[in-house]
Amino acid sequence: MKIQEWVCVGRINNMDVKEANQLSPLNLAWIGDAVFELKVRSFLLSKTQVSRLNVKAKKYVNASSQSLMYNALEPILSEEELSVMKRGRNAKSYTKAKNKSVSEYRHATGVEALFGYLYITGRDKRVEELFEICKEVVYDKEKQ
């Protein structure tokens, strides 16, 4: 089944692993960016005043933080997950984050690709587990 067919029938988060692996890592990162952003917004919604939501969200959704998340996630991932994250990191992108290094941007793309992959293959519990680690990374970064 093609990706367009998955989206049309509303089954994007129950894709077969084989089909998910055929997607470009940049496509995985694209959907992963949305998944990660939604996780951050859901987490912050009840913890922050409306006027401060975007400021708080930017602490999670930026290349520097996501690069640190990459390093924190790397040792605890399965081989399959690590492979996806590295595919995202190594993907040739034609855009660059403002004021961030190429390395940080690529690591962030790897994290987003991983979240996208886990989401489209229906691994919501694993998304939750990894997001908890990502929250700790931001918390530790803020303490410094």
Protein backbone atom coordinates (compact mmCIF):
# COMPACT_ATOMS: atom_id res chain seq x y z
CA MET A 1 0.00 0.00 0.00
CA LYS A 2 1.39 3.43 -0.91
CA ILE A 3 1.81 6.19 1.67
CA GLN A 4 -1.01 8.19 0.05
CA GLU A 5 -3.35 5.23 0.54
CA TRP A 6 -2.33 4.90 4.20
CA VAL A 7 -3.08 8.55 4.83
CA CYS A 8 -6.40 8.42 2.98
CA VAL A 9 -7.68 5.50 5.03
CA GLY A 10 -6.40 7.04 8.26
CA ARG A 11 -3.95 4.23 9.02
CA ILE A 12 -0.70 6.19 8.99
CA ASN A 13 0.18 5.02 12.51
CA ASN A 14 -0.18 1.32 11.78
CA MET A 15 2.18 0.92 8.84
CA ASP A 16 4.09 -2.29 8.26
CA VAL A 17 7.79 -2.07 9.25
CA LYS A 18 8.86 -3.11 5.75
CA GLU A 19 6.84 -0.27 4.22
CA ALA A 20 8.06 2.22 6.83
CA ASN A 21 11.66 1.32 5.99
CA GLN A 22 11.00 2.19 2.36
CA LEU A 23 10.18 5.79 3.25
CA SER A 24 12.85 8.43 2.91
CA PRO A 25 14.45 9.31 6.25
CA LEU A 26 13.48 12.92 5.53
CA ASN A 27 9.83 11.84 5.21
CA LEU A 28 10.15 10.08 8.55
CA ALA A 29 11.69 13.23 10.04
CA TRP A 30 8.90 15.35 8.59
CA ILE A 31 6.18 13.34 10.32
CA GLY A 32 8.40 12.90 13.38
CA ASP A 33 8.74 16.66 13.72
CA ALA A 34 4.96 16.90 13.99
CA VAL A 35 4.75 13.99 16.44
CA PHE A 36 7.48 15.46 18.64
CA GLU A 37 5.91 18.93 18.56
CA LEU A 38 2.55 17.48 19.57
CA LYS A 39 4.17 15.56 22.45
CA VAL A 40 5.82 18.77 23.67
CA ARG A 41 2.63 20.82 23.37
CA SER A 42 0.59 18.16 25.16
CA PHE A 43 3.14 18.02 27.96
CA LEU A 44 3.31 21.80 28.41
CA LEU A 45 -0.40 22.55 28.04
CA SER A 46 -1.33 22.18 31.70
CA LYS A 47 2.02 23.30 33.08
CA THR A 48 2.47 26.74 31.53
CA GLN A 49 0.61 29.99 31.05
CA VAL A 50 -0.69 30.47 27.52
CA SER A 51 1.56 33.48 26.98
CA ARG A 52 4.66 31.36 27.70
CA LEU A 53 3.80 28.19 25.78
CA ASN A 54 5.85 28.97 22.68
CA VAL A 55 8.86 30.09 24.71
CA LYS A 56 8.77 26.84 26.70
CA ALA A 57 8.15 24.68 23.62
CA LYS A 58 11.22 26.12 21.86
CA LYS A 59 13.38 24.70 24.64
CA TYR A 60 12.40 21.22 23.42
CA VAL A 61 11.93 21.72 19.71
CA ASN A 62 15.28 23.06 18.53
CA ALA A 63 18.38 21.55 17.00
CA SER A 64 20.60 22.06 20.05
CA SER A 65 18.24 20.29 22.45
CA GLN A 66 17.42 17.54 19.99
CA SER A 67 21.13 16.97 19.38
CA LEU A 68 21.56 16.37 23.12
CA MET A 69 18.54 14.07 22.98
CA TYR A 70 20.23 12.11 20.19
CA ASN A 71 23.22 11.48 22.46
CA ALA A 72 20.99 10.46 25.38
CA LEU A 73 18.87 8.10 23.29
CA GLU A 74 21.66 6.45 21.31
CA PRO A 75 22.86 3.97 23.98
CA ILE A 76 19.37 2.71 24.90
CA LEU A 77 17.91 2.12 21.44
CA SER A 78 17.40 -1.24 19.78
CA GLU A 79 19.42 -1.95 16.63
CA GLU A 80 16.34 -1.22 14.53
CA GLU A 81 15.71 2.13 16.25
CA LEU A 82 19.37 3.12 16.09
CA SER A 83 19.45 2.32 12.38
CA VAL A 84 16.45 4.59 11.75
CA MET A 85 17.95 7.41 13.81
CA LYS A 86 21.26 7.14 11.95
CA ARG A 87 19.45 7.11 8.59
CA GLY A 88 17.80 10.36 9.61
CA ARG A 89 21.08 11.84 10.79
CA ASN A 90 22.86 10.92 7.55
CA ALA A 91 20.09 12.07 5.19
CA LYS A 92 21.02 14.81 2.74
CA SER A 93 18.87 17.79 3.59
CA TYR A 94 18.86 20.99 1.58
CA THR A 95 17.86 23.18 4.51
CA LYS A 96 19.80 24.25 7.57
CA ALA A 97 18.68 25.39 10.99
CA LYS A 98 19.27 29.04 11.72
CA ASN A 99 22.31 29.65 13.91
CA LYS A 100 22.96 25.95 14.50
CA SER A 101 25.80 23.72 13.36
CA VAL A 102 25.35 21.13 10.62
CA SER A 103 26.07 18.42 13.19
CA GLU A 104 23.32 19.63 15.55
CA TYR A 105 20.85 19.92 12.69
CA ARG A 106 21.61 16.39 11.47
CA HIS A 107 21.31 14.91 14.95
CA ALA A 108 17.96 16.67 15.36
CA THR A 109 16.82 15.21 12.04
CA GLY A 110 17.80 11.76 13.33
CA VAL A 111 15.68 12.17 16.46
CA GLU A 112 12.72 13.37 14.40
CA ALA A 113 13.10 10.44 11.99
CA LEU A 114 13.05 8.03 14.93
CA PHE A 115 9.88 9.57 16.37
CA GLY A 116 8.27 9.50 12.92
CA TYR A 117 9.17 5.85 12.40
CA LEU A 118 7.87 4.78 15.79
CA TYR A 119 4.66 6.71 15.25
CA ILE A 120 3.85 5.33 11.80
CA THR A 121 4.59 1.78 12.92
CA GLY A 122 2.15 2.17 15.82
CA ARG A 123 4.67 2.05 18.66
CA ASP A 124 3.02 4.68 20.81
CA LYS A 125 4.30 3.21 24.07
CA ARG A 126 7.88 3.47 22.84
CA VAL A 127 7.27 7.07 21.73
CA GLU A 128 6.15 7.81 25.30
CA GLU A 129 9.20 6.10 26.82
CA LEU A 130 11.66 7.97 24.63
CA PHE A 131 9.87 11.29 25.10
CA GLU A 132 10.32 10.91 28.88
CA ILE A 133 14.08 10.70 28.30
CA CYS A 134 13.95 13.73 26.02
CA LYS A 135 12.16 15.72 28.74
CA GLU A 136 14.93 14.82 31.19
CA VAL A 137 17.54 16.10 28.72
CA VAL A 138 15.85 19.50 28.56
CA TYR A 139 15.42 19.58 32.34
CA ASP A 140 19.12 18.83 32.85
CA LYS A 141 20.08 21.44 30.25
CA GLU A 142 18.02 24.09 32.06
CA LYS A 143 19.69 23.29 35.41
CA GLN A 144 23.14 24.09 33.99
